[in-house]
Amino acid sequence: MNARNDHTAPRGLRGWWLTPPRSGMQRWIAPWEYRHLRAWAAIRTVSGLVFTGLGSYVISATWPSGWAIFGAYLLVVGLANLPFAYWELNIASSLSPQS
């Protein structure tokens, strides 16, 4: 446990950021989010669907006015969350099960 090459606890901010071990684009995901990928993917999916529905409603209800720009913003945010949630689910499914 306290051996010289034992790396059970991360040291400093860099050690905290690098745990758990990730590679490539997976390092873009924050560590606290990476530890619970399925939960965060579910949150992103639900929020993406809510924002997409709300944005399309605001656009259709307020088309000629300036509020349609706000609806378009909501629509873009919602549609951006969906592929990111799909990507997180793919990462979560490819991880090896921990014992």
N, C-alpha and C. Protein backbone atom coordinates (compact mmCIF):
# COMPACT_ATOMS: atom_id res chain seq x y z
N MET A 1 0.81 -1.18 0.00
CA MET A 1 0.00 0.00 0.00
C MET A 1 0.86 1.26 0.00
N ASN A 2 1.90 1.27 0.77
CA ASN A 2 2.77 2.43 0.81
C ASN A 2 4.09 2.14 0.12
N ALA A 3 4.08 1.29 -0.85
CA ALA A 3 5.30 0.96 -1.58
C ALA A 3 5.78 2.17 -2.38
N ARG A 4 6.99 2.12 -2.82
CA ARG A 4 7.58 3.25 -3.50
C ARG A 4 6.89 3.55 -4.83
N ASN A 5 6.51 2.57 -5.58
CA ASN A 5 5.86 2.77 -6.88
C ASN A 5 4.35 2.59 -6.82
N ASP A 6 3.79 2.68 -5.64
CA ASP A 6 2.35 2.53 -5.49
C ASP A 6 1.67 3.86 -5.83
N HIS A 7 0.74 3.82 -6.77
CA HIS A 7 0.06 5.04 -7.21
C HIS A 7 -1.42 4.97 -6.87
N THR A 8 -1.76 4.71 -5.62
CA THR A 8 -3.16 4.58 -5.24
C THR A 8 -3.86 5.92 -5.15
N ALA A 9 -3.18 6.96 -4.72
CA ALA A 9 -3.80 8.27 -4.59
C ALA A 9 -3.12 9.25 -5.54
N PRO A 10 -3.90 10.03 -6.29
CA PRO A 10 -3.29 11.01 -7.17
C PRO A 10 -2.64 12.13 -6.38
N ARG A 11 -1.58 12.68 -6.93
CA ARG A 11 -0.86 13.75 -6.24
C ARG A 11 -1.02 15.05 -7.01
N GLY A 12 -1.57 16.03 -6.35
CA GLY A 12 -1.72 17.35 -6.95
C GLY A 12 -2.84 17.41 -7.97
N LEU A 13 -2.99 18.57 -8.57
CA LEU A 13 -4.05 18.79 -9.54
C LEU A 13 -3.86 17.93 -10.79
N ARG A 14 -2.64 17.79 -11.25
CA ARG A 14 -2.39 17.00 -12.45
C ARG A 14 -2.74 15.53 -12.22
N GLY A 15 -2.38 15.00 -11.07
CA GLY A 15 -2.72 13.62 -10.77
C GLY A 15 -4.22 13.41 -10.65
N TRP A 16 -4.90 14.39 -10.08
CA TRP A 16 -6.36 14.30 -9.97
C TRP A 16 -7.00 14.35 -11.34
N TRP A 17 -6.47 15.18 -12.23
CA TRP A 17 -7.08 15.34 -13.55
C TRP A 17 -6.85 14.11 -14.42
N LEU A 18 -5.76 13.42 -14.21
CA LEU A 18 -5.45 12.28 -15.06
C LEU A 18 -6.13 10.99 -14.61
N THR A 19 -6.76 10.96 -13.45
CA THR A 19 -7.43 9.74 -13.01
C THR A 19 -8.89 9.81 -13.36
N PRO A 20 -9.53 8.78 -13.78
CA PRO A 20 -9.00 7.50 -14.20
C PRO A 20 -8.27 7.63 -15.54
N PRO A 21 -7.44 6.64 -15.88
CA PRO A 21 -6.64 6.76 -17.09
C PRO A 21 -7.53 6.82 -18.33
N ARG A 22 -7.26 7.80 -19.19
CA ARG A 22 -8.03 8.00 -20.41
C ARG A 22 -7.08 8.26 -21.55
N SER A 23 -7.57 8.12 -22.75
CA SER A 23 -6.71 8.36 -23.90
C SER A 23 -7.44 9.20 -24.93
N GLY A 24 -6.68 9.93 -25.71
CA GLY A 24 -7.21 10.66 -26.84
C GLY A 24 -8.27 11.70 -26.48
N MET A 25 -9.38 11.66 -27.21
CA MET A 25 -10.45 12.63 -27.02
C MET A 25 -11.18 12.46 -25.69
N GLN A 26 -10.99 11.33 -25.04
CA GLN A 26 -11.66 11.12 -23.76
C GLN A 26 -11.12 12.07 -22.69
N ARG A 27 -9.97 12.65 -22.91
CA ARG A 27 -9.42 13.60 -21.95
C ARG A 27 -10.17 14.93 -21.97
N TRP A 28 -11.03 15.14 -22.96
CA TRP A 28 -11.85 16.35 -23.01
C TRP A 28 -12.95 16.29 -21.96
N ILE A 29 -13.27 15.11 -21.49
CA ILE A 29 -14.34 14.94 -20.50
C ILE A 29 -13.73 15.14 -19.12
N ALA A 30 -14.39 15.94 -18.30
CA ALA A 30 -13.91 16.21 -16.95
C ALA A 30 -13.90 14.91 -16.14
N PRO A 31 -12.94 14.75 -15.21
CA PRO A 31 -12.83 13.50 -14.45
C PRO A 31 -14.08 13.17 -13.65
N TRP A 32 -14.71 14.16 -13.04
CA TRP A 32 -15.90 13.87 -12.25
C TRP A 32 -17.05 13.44 -13.15
N GLU A 33 -17.04 13.88 -14.40
CA GLU A 33 -18.05 13.43 -15.35
C GLU A 33 -17.70 12.06 -15.92
N TYR A 34 -16.41 11.81 -16.10
CA TYR A 34 -15.95 10.55 -16.67
C TYR A 34 -16.24 9.38 -15.73
N ARG A 35 -16.23 9.63 -14.44
CA ARG A 35 -16.48 8.57 -13.47
C ARG A 35 -17.92 8.09 -13.50
N HIS A 36 -18.83 8.91 -14.01
CA HIS A 36 -20.26 8.56 -14.05
C HIS A 36 -20.81 8.84 -15.44
N LEU A 37 -20.22 8.22 -16.45
CA LEU A 37 -20.56 8.55 -17.83
C LEU A 37 -22.01 8.25 -18.18
N ARG A 38 -22.53 7.12 -17.75
CA ARG A 38 -23.91 6.77 -18.12
C ARG A 38 -24.92 7.75 -17.54
N ALA A 39 -24.69 8.18 -16.30
CA ALA A 39 -25.59 9.15 -15.68
C ALA A 39 -25.53 10.49 -16.41
N TRP A 40 -24.34 10.94 -16.74
CA TRP A 40 -24.21 12.21 -17.44
C TRP A 40 -24.75 12.12 -18.86
N ALA A 41 -24.60 10.98 -19.50
CA ALA A 41 -25.17 10.81 -20.84
C ALA A 41 -26.70 10.85 -20.77
N ALA A 42 -27.28 10.27 -19.72
CA ALA A 42 -28.74 10.33 -19.57
C ALA A 42 -29.19 11.77 -19.32
N ILE A 43 -28.45 12.50 -18.50
CA ILE A 43 -28.79 13.90 -18.24
C ILE A 43 -28.69 14.72 -19.52
N ARG A 44 -27.64 14.49 -20.30
CA ARG A 44 -27.49 15.22 -21.56
C ARG A 44 -28.58 14.86 -22.56
N THR A 45 -28.99 13.60 -22.59
CA THR A 45 -30.06 13.19 -23.51
C THR A 45 -31.37 13.87 -23.15
N VAL A 46 -31.72 13.83 -21.88
CA VAL A 46 -32.98 14.45 -21.44
C VAL A 46 -32.94 15.96 -21.66
N SER A 47 -31.85 16.58 -21.27
CA SER A 47 -31.77 18.04 -21.46
C SER A 47 -31.75 18.40 -22.95
N GLY A 48 -31.10 17.58 -23.77
CA GLY A 48 -31.10 17.83 -25.21
C GLY A 48 -32.49 17.74 -25.80
N LEU A 49 -33.26 16.75 -25.37
CA LEU A 49 -34.63 16.63 -25.87
C LEU A 49 -35.51 17.78 -25.38
N VAL A 50 -35.33 18.18 -24.12
CA VAL A 50 -36.12 19.30 -23.59
C VAL A 50 -35.79 20.59 -24.31
N PHE A 51 -34.50 20.89 -24.48
CA PHE A 51 -34.10 22.12 -25.16
C PHE A 51 -34.52 22.11 -26.63
N THR A 52 -34.43 20.96 -27.28
CA THR A 52 -34.85 20.88 -28.68
C THR A 52 -36.34 21.14 -28.80
N GLY A 53 -37.13 20.51 -27.95
CA GLY A 53 -38.58 20.74 -27.98
C GLY A 53 -38.94 22.16 -27.63
N LEU A 54 -38.31 22.71 -26.61
CA LEU A 54 -38.60 24.08 -26.20
C LEU A 54 -38.17 25.07 -27.27
N GLY A 55 -37.02 24.83 -27.88
CA GLY A 55 -36.56 25.72 -28.94
C GLY A 55 -37.46 25.70 -30.15
N SER A 56 -37.90 24.51 -30.56
CA SER A 56 -38.80 24.45 -31.71
C SER A 56 -40.16 25.07 -31.39
N TYR A 57 -40.61 24.95 -30.14
CA TYR A 57 -41.86 25.59 -29.76
C TYR A 57 -41.74 27.11 -29.78
N VAL A 58 -40.65 27.63 -29.23
CA VAL A 58 -40.46 29.08 -29.21
C VAL A 58 -40.33 29.62 -30.63
N ILE A 59 -39.64 28.92 -31.49
CA ILE A 59 -39.52 29.37 -32.88
C ILE A 59 -40.87 29.38 -33.57
N SER A 60 -41.65 28.32 -33.39
CA SER A 60 -42.95 28.26 -34.08
C SER A 60 -43.96 29.24 -33.49
N ALA A 61 -43.86 29.54 -32.21
CA ALA A 61 -44.84 30.44 -31.59
C ALA A 61 -44.49 31.91 -31.80
N THR A 62 -43.21 32.23 -32.00
CA THR A 62 -42.79 33.63 -32.08
C THR A 62 -42.00 33.91 -33.35
N TRP A 63 -42.36 33.31 -34.46
CA TRP A 63 -41.52 33.38 -35.66
C TRP A 63 -41.21 34.81 -36.13
N PRO A 64 -42.17 35.68 -36.35
CA PRO A 64 -41.75 36.97 -36.91
C PRO A 64 -41.04 37.89 -35.92
N SER A 65 -41.07 37.58 -34.64
CA SER A 65 -40.46 38.50 -33.66
C SER A 65 -39.01 38.12 -33.38
N GLY A 66 -38.39 38.90 -32.51
CA GLY A 66 -37.00 38.67 -32.14
C GLY A 66 -36.81 37.48 -31.22
N TRP A 67 -37.87 36.96 -30.64
CA TRP A 67 -37.76 35.81 -29.75
C TRP A 67 -37.39 34.54 -30.51
N ALA A 68 -37.55 34.55 -31.80
CA ALA A 68 -37.19 33.37 -32.60
C ALA A 68 -35.69 33.11 -32.54
N ILE A 69 -34.90 34.16 -32.34
CA ILE A 69 -33.45 33.98 -32.20
C ILE A 69 -33.14 33.22 -30.92
N PHE A 70 -33.85 33.54 -29.84
CA PHE A 70 -33.69 32.79 -28.60
C PHE A 70 -34.10 31.34 -28.79
N GLY A 71 -35.18 31.11 -29.53
CA GLY A 71 -35.61 29.74 -29.83
C GLY A 71 -34.57 28.99 -30.64
N ALA A 72 -33.94 29.68 -31.58
CA ALA A 72 -32.89 29.04 -32.36
C ALA A 72 -31.70 28.68 -31.49
N TYR A 73 -31.38 29.55 -30.53
CA TYR A 73 -30.30 29.26 -29.60
C TYR A 73 -30.62 28.01 -28.78
N LEU A 74 -31.85 27.91 -28.26
CA LEU A 74 -32.25 26.72 -27.52
C LEU A 74 -32.18 25.48 -28.39
N LEU A 75 -32.59 25.62 -29.63
CA LEU A 75 -32.56 24.48 -30.55
C LEU A 75 -31.13 24.01 -30.81
N VAL A 76 -30.22 24.93 -30.99
CA VAL A 76 -28.81 24.58 -31.23
C VAL A 76 -28.21 23.90 -30.00
N VAL A 77 -28.50 24.44 -28.81
CA VAL A 77 -27.98 23.85 -27.58
C VAL A 77 -28.52 22.43 -27.41
N GLY A 78 -29.80 22.25 -27.66
CA GLY A 78 -30.40 20.92 -27.54
C GLY A 78 -29.83 19.93 -28.54
N LEU A 79 -29.66 20.38 -29.77
CA LEU A 79 -29.13 19.48 -30.79
C LEU A 79 -27.64 19.20 -30.60
N ALA A 80 -26.92 20.06 -29.90
CA ALA A 80 -25.51 19.80 -29.61
C ALA A 80 -25.35 18.79 -28.48
N ASN A 81 -26.30 18.75 -27.56
CA ASN A 81 -26.21 17.82 -26.44
C ASN A 81 -26.43 16.37 -26.87
N LEU A 82 -27.25 16.14 -27.87
CA LEU A 82 -27.59 14.77 -28.25
C LEU A 82 -26.41 13.98 -28.80
N PRO A 83 -25.63 14.48 -29.75
CA PRO A 83 -24.47 13.68 -30.19
C PRO A 83 -23.41 13.51 -29.12
N PHE A 84 -23.26 14.51 -28.24
CA PHE A 84 -22.29 14.37 -27.16
C PHE A 84 -22.71 13.27 -26.20
N ALA A 85 -24.01 13.18 -25.92
CA ALA A 85 -24.51 12.10 -25.06
C ALA A 85 -24.31 10.74 -25.72
N TYR A 86 -24.51 10.68 -27.03
CA TYR A 86 -24.28 9.44 -27.77
C TYR A 86 -22.82 9.03 -27.70
N TRP A 87 -21.92 10.00 -27.83
CA TRP A 87 -20.49 9.74 -27.75
C TRP A 87 -20.12 9.22 -26.36
N GLU A 88 -20.68 9.83 -25.29
CA GLU A 88 -20.40 9.37 -23.95
C GLU A 88 -20.92 7.95 -23.71
N LEU A 89 -22.07 7.63 -24.26
CA LEU A 89 -22.60 6.27 -24.13
C LEU A 89 -21.72 5.26 -24.85
N ASN A 90 -21.17 5.64 -26.00
CA ASN A 90 -20.24 4.75 -26.70
C ASN A 90 -18.98 4.51 -25.89
N ILE A 91 -18.47 5.54 -25.25
CA ILE A 91 -17.28 5.38 -24.40
C ILE A 91 -17.61 4.49 -23.22
N ALA A 92 -18.76 4.71 -22.59
CA ALA A 92 -19.15 3.93 -21.43
C ALA A 92 -19.34 2.46 -21.78
N SER A 93 -19.87 2.18 -22.96
CA SER A 93 -20.07 0.79 -23.34
C SER A 93 -18.77 0.09 -23.73
N SER A 94 -17.76 0.86 -24.13
CA SER A 94 -16.49 0.24 -24.52
C SER A 94 -15.55 0.05 -23.36
N LEU A 95 -15.86 0.62 -22.20
CA LEU A 95 -15.00 0.45 -21.03
C LEU A 95 -15.09 -0.97 -20.50
N SER A 96 -13.99 -1.46 -20.00
CA SER A 96 -14.01 -2.79 -19.40
C SER A 96 -14.69 -2.74 -18.03
N PRO A 97 -15.46 -3.74 -17.68
CA PRO A 97 -16.10 -3.73 -16.37
C PRO A 97 -15.07 -3.84 -15.25
N GLN A 98 -15.29 -3.05 -14.21
CA GLN A 98 -14.35 -3.07 -13.09
C GLN A 98 -14.81 -4.03 -12.03
N SER A 99 -13.87 -4.70 -11.44
CA SER A 99 -14.24 -5.70 -10.43
C SER A 99 -14.21 -5.13 -9.05
